[in-house]
């Protein structure tokens, strides 16, 4: 099976590639944006996802049967400060990839986000109505709509906070916490920010199921533990045997901007941030295991 991973050089792409390469029957091609990876021996193509001519050329050469679209501007603050660029990459890029998948008769698997939801209650299910309150979330929701409209065969995967050992030079929240506590520094966890954290290997296991066999529709792949960032910090400290007294709670009100802040900062500070995904339906459909945060963190230690 010929698989094209767009954005394969990133954190999730790195793990997905490795998992697929360990299985037989897959011919993997990856794209990168700025720097070609050297640790995975497979074909690589440089790609800016908004370059439609380049995209078409890659599809023509690779002739993929399955495309996994991971490339995106995924940082919420970056999307807020550069909304036009975020829309161009996240929405227009996804739309063009979907069109090419239809043209070349390829299945499309698109990585979306819990940010498509409003963030006011958490544990969102697959059939809950999206109502994003950030520009990043809006671009992901618009991309989902574009893919459902343009692609003939598609699967959308929404996920939550993803953690694990990063590729060189990049960190995620779990490794940031580990580094800080190892250095005797405190970690301040927001008690008003809720997620369902998932270990990257567990996420890529679910995506691999969708690559292997076609399951149309929207899927939620995240962890089973719905927790705030203070609780997540405590879990990291306990599993890694670090000083949990260095994990400090930030009360919800403490996270609000000062009264004299610019209007956009006030608006951002007032947005609810209670996200997290209910994955019961997806786990049942795909036969996935439900993984806790402690299980994922312990696997990091192996």
Protein backbone atom coordinates (compact mmCIF):
# COMPACT_ATOMS: atom_id res chain seq x y z
CA UNK A 1 0.00 0.00 0.00
CA UNK A 2 1.42 3.36 -1.05
CA UNK A 3 1.06 5.87 1.80
CA UNK A 4 1.89 9.57 1.55
CA UNK A 5 2.33 11.37 4.88
CA UNK A 6 2.14 15.14 4.43
CA UNK A 7 3.98 16.68 7.36
CA UNK A 8 5.86 13.48 8.19
CA UNK A 9 8.85 15.32 9.65
CA UNK A 10 6.86 16.60 12.64
CA UNK A 11 6.39 15.05 16.07
CA UNK A 12 3.37 12.86 15.26
CA UNK A 13 4.55 12.15 11.72
CA UNK A 14 7.87 10.84 12.98
CA UNK A 15 6.15 8.25 15.19
CA UNK A 16 3.54 7.34 12.57
CA UNK A 17 6.22 6.71 9.95
CA UNK A 18 8.20 4.52 12.29
CA UNK A 19 5.13 2.48 13.20
CA UNK A 20 4.13 1.94 9.55
CA UNK A 21 7.67 1.06 8.50
CA UNK A 22 7.70 -1.70 11.12
CA UNK A 23 4.72 -3.29 9.37
CA UNK A 24 4.97 -5.14 6.07
CA UNK A 25 3.09 -4.11 2.96
CA UNK A 26 3.53 -0.33 3.24
CA UNK A 27 5.46 1.88 0.83
CA UNK A 28 5.88 5.14 2.77
CA UNK A 29 6.67 8.57 1.31
CA UNK A 30 6.95 11.63 3.55
CA UNK A 31 7.04 15.38 3.06
CA UNK A 32 8.89 18.02 5.05
CA UNK A 33 8.64 21.78 5.04
CA UNK A 34 12.08 23.20 5.83
CA UNK A 35 14.64 20.52 6.74
CA UNK A 36 14.86 16.96 5.42
CA UNK A 37 14.98 14.35 8.19
CA UNK A 38 17.99 12.04 8.16
CA UNK A 39 16.91 9.41 10.68
CA UNK A 40 14.29 7.66 8.52
CA UNK A 41 15.44 5.88 5.36
CA UNK A 42 12.61 6.48 2.89
CA UNK A 43 11.68 8.86 0.05
CA UNK A 44 11.28 12.50 1.13
CA UNK A 45 9.77 15.44 -0.74
CA UNK A 46 10.10 19.10 0.25
CA UNK A 47 6.64 20.67 0.34
CA UNK A 48 4.90 23.87 1.31
CA UNK A 49 1.32 22.65 1.54
CA UNK A 50 -0.04 25.85 -0.02
CA UNK A 51 2.02 25.25 -3.19
CA UNK A 52 -0.66 23.64 -5.33
CA UNK A 53 1.62 22.91 -8.28
CA UNK A 54 4.12 21.14 -6.04
CA UNK A 55 1.33 19.16 -4.40
CA UNK A 56 0.04 18.02 -7.77
CA UNK A 57 3.56 16.99 -8.83
CA UNK A 58 4.03 14.88 -5.68
CA UNK A 59 0.69 13.14 -6.14
CA UNK A 60 1.54 12.43 -9.77
CA UNK A 61 4.89 10.87 -8.83
CA UNK A 62 3.85 8.98 -5.70
CA UNK A 63 0.35 7.88 -6.80
CA UNK A 64 -0.69 7.37 -3.16
CA UNK A 65 -3.47 5.02 -2.15
CA UNK A 66 -3.73 6.60 1.30
CA UNK A 67 -2.79 10.15 2.30
CA UNK A 68 -2.33 11.24 5.92
CA UNK A 69 -2.47 15.02 6.28
CA UNK A 70 -0.61 16.18 9.39
CA UNK A 71 0.90 19.45 8.11
CA UNK A 72 -0.66 22.50 9.75
CA UNK A 73 -0.08 25.64 11.74
CA UNK A 74 -0.98 23.94 15.00
CA UNK A 75 0.06 26.54 17.57
CA UNK A 76 -3.00 28.42 18.83
CA UNK A 77 -1.14 31.69 19.49
CA UNK A 78 0.55 31.61 16.07
CA UNK A 79 -2.85 31.19 14.42
CA UNK A 80 -4.26 34.11 16.41
CA UNK A 81 -1.41 36.47 15.51
CA UNK A 82 -1.30 35.38 11.84
CA UNK A 83 -4.88 34.43 11.00
CA UNK A 84 -4.60 34.81 7.23
CA UNK A 85 -1.57 32.53 7.02
CA UNK A 86 -3.22 29.99 9.33
CA UNK A 87 -6.31 29.93 7.11
CA UNK A 88 -4.18 29.56 4.00
CA UNK A 89 -2.26 26.59 5.41
CA UNK A 90 -4.91 24.85 7.50
CA UNK A 91 -7.98 25.36 5.31
CA UNK A 92 -6.86 26.05 1.75
CA UNK A 93 -4.05 23.49 1.98
CA UNK A 94 -6.43 20.84 3.30
CA UNK A 95 -8.97 21.59 0.59
CA UNK A 96 -6.40 21.15 -2.17
CA UNK A 97 -5.11 17.90 -0.69
CA UNK A 98 -8.71 16.63 -0.53
CA UNK A 99 -9.27 17.52 -4.19
CA UNK A 100 -6.11 15.69 -5.23
CA UNK A 101 -7.11 12.64 -3.18
CA UNK A 102 -10.34 12.50 -5.16
CA UNK A 103 -8.48 13.02 -8.45
CA UNK A 104 -6.02 10.21 -7.71
CA UNK A 105 -8.54 7.90 -5.98
CA UNK A 106 -6.74 8.03 -2.63
CA UNK A 107 -8.22 7.79 0.84
CA UNK A 108 -7.59 10.82 3.06
CA UNK A 109 -6.92 10.74 6.80
CA UNK A 110 -6.90 14.23 8.30
CA UNK A 111 -5.63 15.15 11.75
CA UNK A 112 -7.98 17.63 13.39
CA UNK A 113 -8.26 18.91 16.94
CA UNK A 114 -10.41 19.21 20.04
CA UNK A 115 -10.23 22.97 19.40
CA UNK A 116 -13.16 22.65 16.99
CA UNK A 117 -15.30 22.72 20.14
CA UNK A 118 -16.21 25.69 22.32
CA UNK A 119 -14.24 24.67 25.40
CA UNK A 120 -17.02 25.21 27.90
CA UNK A 121 -17.64 21.67 29.18
CA UNK A 122 -15.14 19.08 27.87
CA UNK A 123 -15.47 15.38 27.04
CA UNK A 124 -16.89 16.17 23.62
CA UNK A 125 -18.26 13.30 21.58
CA UNK A 126 -17.84 12.70 17.84
CA UNK A 127 -21.36 13.88 17.01
CA UNK A 128 -21.31 17.02 19.16
CA UNK A 129 -21.66 20.24 17.17
CA UNK A 130 -18.40 22.18 16.71
CA UNK A 131 -18.35 25.75 17.99
CA UNK A 132 -14.71 26.90 18.02
CA UNK A 133 -13.72 29.99 20.02
CA UNK A 134 -10.18 30.38 18.60
CA UNK A 135 -8.99 31.08 15.08
CA UNK A 136 -7.00 27.85 15.12
CA UNK A 137 -10.16 25.94 16.02
CA UNK A 138 -12.10 27.70 13.29
CA UNK A 139 -9.50 26.74 10.69
CA UNK A 140 -9.65 23.11 11.77
CA UNK A 141 -13.45 23.08 11.62
CA UNK A 142 -13.41 24.76 8.19
CA UNK A 143 -10.85 22.20 7.03
CA UNK A 144 -13.08 19.36 8.22
CA UNK A 145 -15.97 20.80 6.20
CA UNK A 146 -13.75 21.25 3.13
CA UNK A 147 -12.51 17.65 3.35
CA UNK A 148 -16.02 16.24 3.73
CA UNK A 149 -17.03 18.30 0.68
CA UNK A 150 -14.04 17.61 -1.58
CA UNK A 151 -12.70 14.14 -0.70
CA UNK A 152 -14.51 11.04 -1.90
CA UNK A 153 -13.09 8.82 0.87
CA UNK A 154 -12.10 10.47 4.14
CA UNK A 155 -11.53 9.90 7.83
CA UNK A 156 -11.09 12.76 10.31
CA UNK A 157 -9.17 12.20 13.55
CA UNK A 158 -9.59 14.70 16.36
CA UNK A 159 -7.11 14.46 19.18
CA UNK A 160 -6.17 16.23 22.39
CA UNK A 161 -2.86 17.07 24.11
CA UNK A 162 -0.24 14.74 22.60
CA UNK A 163 2.91 13.95 24.58
CA UNK A 164 6.03 11.78 24.26
CA UNK A 165 9.74 12.00 23.58
CA UNK A 166 10.16 14.60 20.84
CA UNK A 167 12.35 14.59 17.79
CA UNK A 168 15.53 16.67 18.10
CA UNK A 169 14.98 20.29 19.06
CA UNK A 170 11.27 20.12 19.82
CA UNK A 171 9.50 19.63 23.12
CA UNK A 172 5.94 19.03 24.30
CA UNK A 173 4.31 19.62 27.65
CA UNK A 174 5.35 16.34 29.26
CA UNK A 175 9.04 16.81 28.43
CA UNK A 176 8.91 20.46 29.44
CA UNK A 177 7.60 19.41 32.85
CA UNK A 178 10.24 16.67 33.18
CA UNK A 179 13.04 19.10 32.30
CA UNK A 180 11.84 21.76 34.71
CA UNK A 181 11.42 19.41 37.65
CA UNK A 182 14.77 17.72 37.01
CA UNK A 183 16.40 21.16 37.15
CA UNK A 184 14.67 21.96 40.44
CA UNK A 185 12.38 24.49 38.76
CA UNK A 186 8.66 24.72 39.40
CA UNK A 187 5.93 23.98 36.89
CA UNK A 188 2.74 26.02 37.17
CA UNK A 189 -0.27 24.06 35.97
CA UNK A 190 -3.48 25.83 35.00
CA UNK A 191 -6.38 24.40 36.99
CA UNK A 192 -8.88 25.77 34.48
CA UNK A 193 -7.39 24.14 31.37
CA UNK A 194 -8.71 20.62 30.82
CA UNK A 195 -7.58 18.04 28.27
CA UNK A 196 -7.55 14.27 27.67
CA UNK A 197 -3.79 13.78 27.15
CA UNK A 198 -2.61 10.95 24.90
CA UNK A 199 0.78 9.33 24.45
CA UNK A 200 1.94 9.75 20.86
CA UNK A 201 2.40 5.99 20.37
CA UNK A 202 -1.25 5.42 21.32
CA UNK A 203 -2.40 8.10 18.86
CA UNK A 204 -0.38 6.65 15.99
CA UNK A 205 -1.73 3.19 16.78
CA UNK A 206 -5.22 4.53 16.10
CA UNK A 207 -4.18 6.35 12.93
CA UNK A 208 -2.50 3.15 11.71
CA UNK A 209 -5.83 1.34 12.06
CA UNK A 210 -7.37 3.90 9.70
CA UNK A 211 -4.47 3.60 7.25
CA UNK A 212 -4.74 -0.19 7.20
CA UNK A 213 -8.48 -0.33 6.54
CA UNK A 214 -11.03 2.27 5.50
CA UNK A 215 -13.35 3.59 8.18
CA UNK A 216 -15.23 6.70 7.00
CA UNK A 217 -16.30 9.49 9.31
CA UNK A 218 -15.10 11.40 12.36
CA UNK A 219 -13.06 9.74 15.11
CA UNK A 220 -11.82 10.87 18.52
CA UNK A 221 -8.47 9.42 19.57
CA UNK A 222 -7.30 10.68 22.96
CA UNK A 223 -6.64 9.46 26.48
CA UNK A 224 -9.20 8.29 29.02
CA UNK A 225 -8.22 10.74 31.78
CA UNK A 226 -9.94 14.11 31.71
CA UNK A 227 -7.68 16.35 33.76
CA UNK A 228 -6.42 19.88 34.18
CA UNK A 229 -2.80 20.85 33.61
CA UNK A 230 -1.99 20.92 37.31
CA UNK A 231 -3.16 17.31 37.59
CA UNK A 232 -1.19 16.38 34.48
CA UNK A 233 1.94 17.91 36.00
CA UNK A 234 1.43 15.85 39.14
CA UNK A 235 1.08 12.68 37.08
CA UNK A 236 4.33 13.40 35.25
CA UNK A 237 6.16 14.05 38.51
CA UNK A 238 4.89 10.86 40.15
CA UNK A 239 5.61 8.53 37.22
CA UNK A 240 9.09 9.97 36.63
CA UNK A 241 9.93 9.98 40.34
CA UNK A 242 10.36 13.76 40.51
CA UNK A 243 9.51 16.26 43.23
CA UNK A 244 5.74 16.81 42.93
CA UNK A 245 5.92 19.72 45.39
CA UNK A 246 7.43 21.73 42.51
CA UNK A 247 4.14 21.40 40.62
CA UNK A 248 2.11 24.48 41.54
CA UNK A 249 -1.54 25.20 40.73
CA UNK A 250 -2.57 28.34 38.89
CA UNK A 251 -6.15 29.25 39.87
CA UNK A 252 -8.53 30.07 37.04
CA UNK A 253 -8.82 33.74 37.97
CA UNK A 254 -5.03 34.11 38.12
CA UNK A 255 -4.85 33.30 34.42
CA UNK A 256 -6.95 36.30 33.39
CA UNK A 257 -5.18 39.29 31.82
CA UNK A 258 -4.85 42.60 33.72
CA UNK A 259 -7.64 45.16 33.36
CA UNK A 260 -5.47 47.45 31.20
CA UNK A 261 -4.62 44.71 28.68
CA UNK A 262 -5.47 45.12 24.96
CA UNK A 263 -9.01 43.95 24.07
CA UNK A 264 -7.76 40.89 22.15
CA UNK A 265 -5.84 39.67 25.21
CA UNK A 266 -8.86 40.20 27.44
CA UNK A 267 -11.01 38.24 24.97
CA UNK A 268 -8.47 35.42 24.87
CA UNK A 269 -8.23 35.32 28.65
CA UNK A 270 -12.01 35.07 29.03
CA UNK A 271 -12.37 32.15 26.63
CA UNK A 272 -13.25 28.90 28.38
CA UNK A 273 -10.57 26.25 27.96
CA UNK A 274 -12.37 23.13 29.09
CA UNK A 275 -11.76 20.70 26.25
CA UNK A 276 -10.98 16.98 26.08
CA UNK A 277 -12.58 14.23 24.01
CA UNK A 278 -14.86 11.31 24.76
CA UNK A 279 -13.50 8.43 22.66
CA UNK A 280 -15.98 5.69 23.58
CA UNK A 281 -17.54 5.46 20.12
CA UNK A 282 -14.20 5.49 18.31
CA UNK A 283 -12.61 2.91 20.60
CA UNK A 284 -15.56 0.61 19.96
CA UNK A 285 -15.54 1.09 16.17
CA UNK A 286 -11.78 0.67 15.76
CA UNK A 287 -11.20 -1.81 18.55
CA UNK A 288 -8.74 0.51 20.31
CA UNK A 289 -7.64 0.17 23.92
CA UNK A 290 -8.45 2.96 26.37
CA UNK A 291 -5.14 4.28 27.70
CA UNK A 292 -4.67 6.29 30.88
CA UNK A 293 -2.10 9.06 31.33
CA UNK A 294 -0.14 6.95 33.81
CA UNK A 295 0.05 4.09 31.27
CA UNK A 296 1.36 6.44 28.60
CA UNK A 297 3.91 8.07 30.87
CA UNK A 298 5.16 4.69 32.04
CA UNK A 299 5.65 3.65 28.42
CA UNK A 300 7.79 6.76 27.96
CA UNK A 301 10.10 5.43 30.67
CA UNK A 302 10.76 2.13 28.87
